[in-house]
Amino acid sequence: MSRTYCHLCHEMEKALAPLMIEYRVELDVLDVDADPRLEAQYNEWVPVLLHEGTELCHHSLDLAKVRDYLGKIR
């Protein structure tokens, strides 16, 4: 979950780039402001990194947690 004007969101996307290559995964970025339901749910938490409904981190990338998670689903 992201916002176009959110610097934390842009930072998380950049930080995820090497992991996406390493684990061969793609990132779908959803703008919370484009959907009232998503905005209500994630408004103060963006950026939020989710995988199939599992929240991996919010506000900043928890690299260790994301690596551990990706290693388990690989």
PDB file of N, CA and C in Angstrom:
ATOM      1  N   MET A   1       0.852  -1.159   0.000  1.00  0.00           N
ATOM      2  CA  MET A   1       0.000   0.000   0.000  1.00  0.00           C
ATOM      3  C   MET A   1       0.900   1.225   0.000  1.00  0.00           C
ATOM      4  N   SER A   2       0.528   2.179  -0.805  1.00  0.00           N
ATOM      5  CA  SER A   2       1.408   3.315  -1.021  1.00  0.00           C
ATOM      6  C   SER A   2       0.599   4.578  -1.291  1.00  0.00           C
ATOM      7  N   ARG A   3       1.312   5.660  -1.407  1.00  0.00           N
ATOM      8  CA  ARG A   3       0.760   6.946  -1.840  1.00  0.00           C
ATOM      9  C   ARG A   3       1.756   7.572  -2.798  1.00  0.00           C
ATOM     10  N   THR A   4       1.260   8.277  -3.772  1.00  0.00           N
ATOM     11  CA  THR A   4       2.161   8.871  -4.756  1.00  0.00           C
ATOM     12  C   THR A   4       3.065   9.939  -4.153  1.00  0.00           C
ATOM     13  N   TYR A   5       2.608  10.645  -3.140  1.00  0.00           N
ATOM     14  CA  TYR A   5       3.379  11.751  -2.563  1.00  0.00           C
ATOM     15  C   TYR A   5       4.117  11.364  -1.280  1.00  0.00           C
ATOM     16  N   CYS A   6       4.202  10.091  -0.974  1.00  0.00           N
ATOM     17  CA  CYS A   6       4.766   9.609   0.288  1.00  0.00           C
ATOM     18  C   CYS A   6       6.245   9.252   0.126  1.00  0.00           C
ATOM     19  N   HIS A   7       7.126  10.006   0.776  1.00  0.00           N
ATOM     20  CA  HIS A   7       8.560   9.717   0.655  1.00  0.00           C
ATOM     21  C   HIS A   7       8.924   8.375   1.290  1.00  0.00           C
ATOM     22  N   LEU A   8       8.249   7.983   2.358  1.00  0.00           N
ATOM     23  CA  LEU A   8       8.512   6.676   2.964  1.00  0.00           C
ATOM     24  C   LEU A   8       8.145   5.547   1.996  1.00  0.00           C
ATOM     25  N   CYS A   9       7.088   5.747   1.252  1.00  0.00           N
ATOM     26  CA  CYS A   9       6.658   4.756   0.255  1.00  0.00           C
ATOM     27  C   CYS A   9       7.721   4.594  -0.829  1.00  0.00           C
ATOM     28  N   HIS A  10       8.245   5.703  -1.311  1.00  0.00           N
ATOM     29  CA  HIS A  10       9.269   5.664  -2.348  1.00  0.00           C
ATOM     30  C   HIS A  10      10.543   5.002  -1.821  1.00  0.00           C
ATOM     31  N   GLU A  11      10.888   5.284  -0.583  1.00  0.00           N
ATOM     32  CA  GLU A  11      12.071   4.672   0.028  1.00  0.00           C
ATOM     33  C   GLU A  11      11.901   3.161   0.158  1.00  0.00           C
ATOM     34  N   MET A  12      10.704   2.716   0.567  1.00  0.00           N
ATOM     35  CA  MET A  12      10.486   1.281   0.700  1.00  0.00           C
ATOM     36  C   MET A  12      10.560   0.606  -0.672  1.00  0.00           C
ATOM     37  N   GLU A  13       9.987   1.217  -1.691  1.00  0.00           N
ATOM     38  CA  GLU A  13      10.054   0.637  -3.036  1.00  0.00           C
ATOM     39  C   GLU A  13      11.504   0.468  -3.485  1.00  0.00           C
ATOM     40  N   LYS A  14      12.328   1.482  -3.262  1.00  0.00           N
ATOM     41  CA  LYS A  14      13.743   1.402  -3.637  1.00  0.00           C
ATOM     42  C   LYS A  14      14.449   0.300  -2.850  1.00  0.00           C
ATOM     43  N   ALA A  15      14.156   0.208  -1.570  1.00  0.00           N
ATOM     44  CA  ALA A  15      14.799  -0.798  -0.722  1.00  0.00           C
ATOM     45  C   ALA A  15      14.375  -2.215  -1.109  1.00  0.00           C
ATOM     46  N   LEU A  16      13.183  -2.360  -1.656  1.00  0.00           N
ATOM     47  CA  LEU A  16      12.686  -3.674  -2.071  1.00  0.00           C
ATOM     48  C   LEU A  16      13.281  -4.142  -3.398  1.00  0.00           C
ATOM     49  N   ALA A  17      13.786  -3.244  -4.205  1.00  0.00           N
ATOM     50  CA  ALA A  17      14.269  -3.587  -5.547  1.00  0.00           C
ATOM     51  C   ALA A  17      15.280  -4.736  -5.545  1.00  0.00           C
ATOM     52  N   PRO A  18      16.311  -4.733  -4.704  1.00  0.00           N
ATOM     53  CA  PRO A  18      17.257  -5.852  -4.715  1.00  0.00           C
ATOM     54  C   PRO A  18      16.609  -7.181  -4.304  1.00  0.00           C
ATOM     55  N   LEU A  19      15.677  -7.132  -3.372  1.00  0.00           N
ATOM     56  CA  LEU A  19      14.989  -8.356  -2.946  1.00  0.00           C
ATOM     57  C   LEU A  19      14.127  -8.916  -4.071  1.00  0.00           C
ATOM     58  N   MET A  20      13.511  -8.047  -4.824  1.00  0.00           N
ATOM     59  CA  MET A  20      12.668  -8.485  -5.930  1.00  0.00           C
ATOM     60  C   MET A  20      13.500  -9.239  -6.957  1.00  0.00           C
ATOM     61  N   ILE A  21      14.705  -8.769  -7.209  1.00  0.00           N
ATOM     62  CA  ILE A  21      15.597  -9.445  -8.149  1.00  0.00           C
ATOM     63  C   ILE A  21      16.083 -10.765  -7.549  1.00  0.00           C
ATOM     64  N   GLU A  22      16.542 -10.708  -6.318  1.00  0.00           N
ATOM     65  CA  GLU A  22      17.089 -11.894  -5.658  1.00  0.00           C
ATOM     66  C   GLU A  22      16.068 -13.027  -5.555  1.00  0.00           C
ATOM     67  N   TYR A  23      14.841 -12.687  -5.161  1.00  0.00           N
ATOM     68  CA  TYR A  23      13.819 -13.711  -4.940  1.00  0.00           C
ATOM     69  C   TYR A  23      12.877 -13.887  -6.130  1.00  0.00           C
ATOM     70  N   ARG A  24      13.128 -13.112  -7.181  1.00  0.00           N
ATOM     71  CA  ARG A  24      12.320 -13.180  -8.402  1.00  0.00           C
ATOM     72  C   ARG A  24      10.830 -13.010  -8.113  1.00  0.00           C
ATOM     73  N   VAL A  25      10.535 -11.928  -7.435  1.00  0.00           N
ATOM     74  CA  VAL A  25       9.148 -11.584  -7.121  1.00  0.00           C
ATOM     75  C   VAL A  25       8.840 -10.217  -7.714  1.00  0.00           C
ATOM     76  N   GLU A  26       7.569  -9.962  -7.900  1.00  0.00           N
ATOM     77  CA  GLU A  26       7.123  -8.676  -8.416  1.00  0.00           C
ATOM     78  C   GLU A  26       6.417  -7.901  -7.316  1.00  0.00           C
ATOM     79  N   LEU A  27       6.374  -6.609  -7.479  1.00  0.00           N
ATOM     80  CA  LEU A  27       5.725  -5.726  -6.526  1.00  0.00           C
ATOM     81  C   LEU A  27       4.540  -5.057  -7.202  1.00  0.00           C
ATOM     82  N   ASP A  28       3.372  -5.231  -6.638  1.00  0.00           N
ATOM     83  CA  ASP A  28       2.186  -4.507  -7.094  1.00  0.00           C
ATOM     84  C   ASP A  28       1.955  -3.367  -6.115  1.00  0.00           C
ATOM     85  N   VAL A  29       2.006  -2.157  -6.605  1.00  0.00           N
ATOM     86  CA  VAL A  29       1.827  -0.985  -5.758  1.00  0.00           C
ATOM     87  C   VAL A  29       0.387  -0.505  -5.892  1.00  0.00           C
ATOM     88  N   LEU A  30      -0.312  -0.459  -4.771  1.00  0.00           N
ATOM     89  CA  LEU A  30      -1.687   0.020  -4.739  1.00  0.00           C
ATOM     90  C   LEU A  30      -1.723   1.369  -4.039  1.00  0.00           C
ATOM     91  N   ASP A  31      -2.340   2.341  -4.675  1.00  0.00           N
ATOM     92  CA  ASP A  31      -2.481   3.684  -4.105  1.00  0.00           C
ATOM     93  C   ASP A  31      -3.690   3.692  -3.180  1.00  0.00           C
ATOM     94  N   VAL A  32      -3.457   3.860  -1.883  1.00  0.00           N
ATOM     95  CA  VAL A  32      -4.562   3.831  -0.923  1.00  0.00           C
ATOM     96  C   VAL A  32      -5.555   4.954  -1.168  1.00  0.00           C
ATOM     97  N   ASP A  33      -5.095   6.042  -1.742  1.00  0.00           N
ATOM     98  CA  ASP A  33      -5.983   7.175  -1.981  1.00  0.00           C
ATOM     99  C   ASP A  33      -6.940   6.945  -3.150  1.00  0.00           C
ATOM    100  N   ALA A  34      -6.711   5.891  -3.924  1.00  0.00           N
ATOM    101  CA  ALA A  34      -7.574   5.589  -5.070  1.00  0.00           C
ATOM    102  C   ALA A  34      -8.768   4.721  -4.681  1.00  0.00           C
ATOM    103  N   ASP A  35      -8.781   4.248  -3.453  1.00  0.00           N
ATOM    104  CA  ASP A  35      -9.844   3.340  -3.006  1.00  0.00           C
ATOM    105  C   ASP A  35     -10.234   3.706  -1.578  1.00  0.00           C
ATOM    106  N   PRO A  36     -11.445   4.208  -1.359  1.00  0.00           N
ATOM    107  CA  PRO A  36     -11.860   4.632  -0.019  1.00  0.00           C
ATOM    108  C   PRO A  36     -11.731   3.528   1.043  1.00  0.00           C
ATOM    109  N   ARG A  37     -11.947   2.283   0.657  1.00  0.00           N
ATOM    110  CA  ARG A  37     -11.826   1.179   1.607  1.00  0.00           C
ATOM    111  C   ARG A  37     -10.368   0.996   2.042  1.00  0.00           C
ATOM    112  N   LEU A  38      -9.448   1.040   1.072  1.00  0.00           N
ATOM    113  CA  LEU A  38      -8.030   0.915   1.397  1.00  0.00           C
ATOM    114  C   LEU A  38      -7.539   2.113   2.201  1.00  0.00           C
ATOM    115  N   GLU A  39      -8.017   3.290   1.842  1.00  0.00           N
ATOM    116  CA  GLU A  39      -7.622   4.493   2.582  1.00  0.00           C
ATOM    117  C   GLU A  39      -8.071   4.399   4.028  1.00  0.00           C
ATOM    118  N   ALA A  40      -9.280   3.938   4.259  1.00  0.00           N
ATOM    119  CA  ALA A  40      -9.783   3.795   5.629  1.00  0.00           C
ATOM    120  C   ALA A  40      -8.973   2.779   6.423  1.00  0.00           C
ATOM    121  N   GLN A  41      -8.544   1.724   5.761  1.00  0.00           N
ATOM    122  CA  GLN A  41      -7.824   0.656   6.453  1.00  0.00           C
ATOM    123  C   GLN A  41      -6.344   0.978   6.685  1.00  0.00           C
ATOM    124  N   TYR A  42      -5.688   1.605   5.711  1.00  0.00           N
ATOM    125  CA  TYR A  42      -4.230   1.775   5.775  1.00  0.00           C
ATOM    126  C   TYR A  42      -3.752   3.225   5.870  1.00  0.00           C
ATOM    127  N   ASN A  43      -4.639   4.166   5.981  1.00  0.00           N
ATOM    128  CA  ASN A  43      -4.328   5.588   5.905  1.00  0.00           C
ATOM    129  C   ASN A  43      -3.072   6.006   6.662  1.00  0.00           C
ATOM    130  N   GLU A  44      -3.018   5.737   7.937  1.00  0.00           N
ATOM    131  CA  GLU A  44      -1.894   6.183   8.774  1.00  0.00           C
ATOM    132  C   GLU A  44      -0.718   5.213   8.768  1.00  0.00           C
ATOM    133  N   TRP A  45      -0.841   4.092   8.102  1.00  0.00           N
ATOM    134  CA  TRP A  45       0.176   3.041   8.168  1.00  0.00           C
ATOM    135  C   TRP A  45       1.083   2.980   6.948  1.00  0.00           C
ATOM    136  N   VAL A  46       0.737   3.684   5.862  1.00  0.00           N
ATOM    137  CA  VAL A  46       1.527   3.564   4.632  1.00  0.00           C
ATOM    138  C   VAL A  46       2.960   4.028   4.843  1.00  0.00           C
ATOM    139  N   PRO A  47       3.885   3.418   4.151  1.00  0.00           N
ATOM    140  CA  PRO A  47       3.691   2.264   3.286  1.00  0.00           C
ATOM    141  C   PRO A  47       3.474   0.986   4.097  1.00  0.00           C
ATOM    142  N   VAL A  48       2.711   0.090   3.508  1.00  0.00           N
ATOM    143  CA  VAL A  48       2.459  -1.217   4.113  1.00  0.00           C
ATOM    144  C   VAL A  48       2.829  -2.272   3.079  1.00  0.00           C
ATOM    145  N   LEU A  49       3.652  -3.215   3.495  1.00  0.00           N
ATOM    146  CA  LEU A  49       4.043  -4.306   2.612  1.00  0.00           C
ATOM    147  C   LEU A  49       3.262  -5.550   3.003  1.00  0.00           C
ATOM    148  N   LEU A  50       2.502  -6.060   2.047  1.00  0.00           N
ATOM    149  CA  LEU A  50       1.655  -7.234   2.271  1.00  0.00           C
ATOM    150  C   LEU A  50       1.999  -8.320   1.266  1.00  0.00           C
ATOM    151  N   HIS A  51       1.771  -9.543   1.672  1.00  0.00           N
ATOM    152  CA  HIS A  51       1.810 -10.668   0.730  1.00  0.00           C
ATOM    153  C   HIS A  51       0.643 -11.572   1.052  1.00  0.00           C
ATOM    154  N   GLU A  52      -0.267 -11.678   0.100  1.00  0.00           N
ATOM    155  CA  GLU A  52      -1.461 -12.514   0.250  1.00  0.00           C
ATOM    156  C   GLU A  52      -2.157 -12.288   1.594  1.00  0.00           C
ATOM    157  N   GLY A  53      -2.315 -11.016   1.941  1.00  0.00           N
ATOM    158  CA  GLY A  53      -3.028 -10.645   3.153  1.00  0.00           C
ATOM    159  C   GLY A  53      -2.189 -10.614   4.413  1.00  0.00           C
ATOM    160  N   THR A  54      -0.947 -11.080   4.348  1.00  0.00           N
ATOM    161  CA  THR A  54      -0.052 -11.063   5.503  1.00  0.00           C
ATOM    162  C   THR A  54       0.741  -9.766   5.502  1.00  0.00           C
ATOM    163  N   GLU A  55       0.621  -9.000   6.578  1.00  0.00           N
ATOM    164  CA  GLU A  55       1.390  -7.761   6.678  1.00  0.00           C
ATOM    165  C   GLU A  55       2.814  -8.093   7.093  1.00  0.00           C
ATOM    166  N   LEU A  56       3.765  -7.686   6.267  1.00  0.00           N
ATOM    167  CA  LEU A  56       5.166  -7.938   6.564  1.00  0.00           C
ATOM    168  C   LEU A  56       5.808  -6.774   7.299  1.00  0.00           C
ATOM    169  N   CYS A  57       5.423  -5.564   6.948  1.00  0.00           N
ATOM    170  CA  CYS A  57       5.939  -4.388   7.656  1.00  0.00           C
ATOM    171  C   CYS A  57       5.165  -3.154   7.215  1.00  0.00           C
ATOM    172  N   HIS A  58       5.314  -2.101   7.991  1.00  0.00           N
ATOM    173  CA  HIS A  58       4.719  -0.818   7.624  1.00  0.00           C
ATOM    174  C   HIS A  58       5.660   0.303   8.057  1.00  0.00           C
ATOM    175  N   HIS A  59       5.510   1.445   7.449  1.00  0.00           N
ATOM    176  CA  HIS A  59       6.328   2.644   7.642  1.00  0.00           C
ATOM    177  C   HIS A  59       7.740   2.509   7.089  1.00  0.00           C
ATOM    178  N   SER A  60       8.429   1.409   7.386  1.00  0.00           N
ATOM    179  CA  SER A  60       9.760   1.188   6.823  1.00  0.00           C
ATOM    180  C   SER A  60       9.966  -0.306   6.610  1.00  0.00           C
ATOM    181  N   LEU A  61      10.917  -0.636   5.764  1.00  0.00           N
ATOM    182  CA  LEU A  61      11.169  -2.021   5.423  1.00  0.00           C
ATOM    183  C   LEU A  61      11.873  -2.738   6.569  1.00  0.00           C
ATOM    184  N   ASP A  62      11.301  -3.839   7.003  1.00  0.00           N
ATOM    185  CA  ASP A  62      11.938  -4.722   7.981  1.00  0.00           C
ATOM    186  C   ASP A  62      12.632  -5.802   7.158  1.00  0.00           C
ATOM    187  N   LEU A  63      13.856  -5.532   6.772  1.00  0.00           N
ATOM    188  CA  LEU A  63      14.578  -6.379   5.839  1.00  0.00           C
ATOM    189  C   LEU A  63      14.701  -7.816   6.347  1.00  0.00           C
ATOM    190  N   ALA A  64      15.039  -8.002   7.603  1.00  0.00           N
ATOM    191  CA  ALA A  64      15.202  -9.351   8.154  1.00  0.00           C
ATOM    192  C   ALA A  64      13.891 -10.126   8.089  1.00  0.00           C
ATOM    193  N   LYS A  65      12.805  -9.490   8.454  1.00  0.00           N
ATOM    194  CA  LYS A  65      11.505 -10.161   8.439  1.00  0.00           C
ATOM    195  C   LYS A  65      11.080 -10.528   7.015  1.00  0.00           C
ATOM    196  N   VAL A  66      11.303  -9.615   6.074  1.00  0.00           N
ATOM    197  CA  VAL A  66      10.917  -9.867   4.687  1.00  0.00           C
ATOM    198  C   VAL A  66      11.788 -10.970   4.089  1.00  0.00           C
ATOM    199  N   ARG A  67      13.089 -10.947   4.349  1.00  0.00           N
ATOM    200  CA  ARG A  67      13.976 -12.013   3.867  1.00  0.00           C
ATOM    201  C   ARG A  67      13.545 -13.364   4.431  1.00  0.00           C
ATOM    202  N   ASP A  68      13.266 -13.403   5.713  1.00  0.00           N
ATOM    203  CA  ASP A  68      12.834 -14.645   6.351  1.00  0.00           C
ATOM    204  C   ASP A  68      11.544 -15.151   5.711  1.00  0.00           C
ATOM    205  N   TYR A  69      10.600 -14.258   5.516  1.00  0.00           N
ATOM    206  CA  TYR A  69       9.317 -14.628   4.923  1.00  0.00           C
ATOM    207  C   TYR A  69       9.494 -15.145   3.496  1.00  0.00           C
ATOM    208  N   LEU A  70      10.264 -14.418   2.686  1.00  0.00           N
ATOM    209  CA  LEU A  70      10.480 -14.827   1.301  1.00  0.00           C
ATOM    210  C   LEU A  70      11.206 -16.170   1.231  1.00  0.00           C
ATOM    211  N   GLY A  71      12.126 -16.391   2.145  1.00  0.00           N
ATOM    212  CA  GLY A  71      12.829 -17.673   2.189  1.00  0.00           C
ATOM    213  C   GLY A  71      11.896 -18.831   2.488  1.00  0.00           C
ATOM    214  N   LYS A  72      10.886 -18.589   3.293  1.00  0.00           N
ATOM    215  CA  LYS A  72       9.942 -19.638   3.667  1.00  0.00           C
ATOM    216  C   LYS A  72       8.943 -19.943   2.556  1.00  0.00           C
ATOM    217  N   ILE A  73       8.574 -18.939   1.760  1.00  0.00           N
ATOM    218  CA  ILE A  73       7.564 -19.179   0.718  1.00  0.00           C
ATOM    219  C   ILE A  73       8.183 -19.581  -0.608  1.00  0.00           C
ATOM    220  N   ARG A  74       9.463 -19.511  -0.690  1.00  0.00           N
ATOM    221  CA  ARG A  74      10.186 -19.814  -1.925  1.00  0.00           C
ATOM    222  C   ARG A  74      10.063 -21.233  -2.343  1.00  0.00           C
TER     223      ARG A  74
END
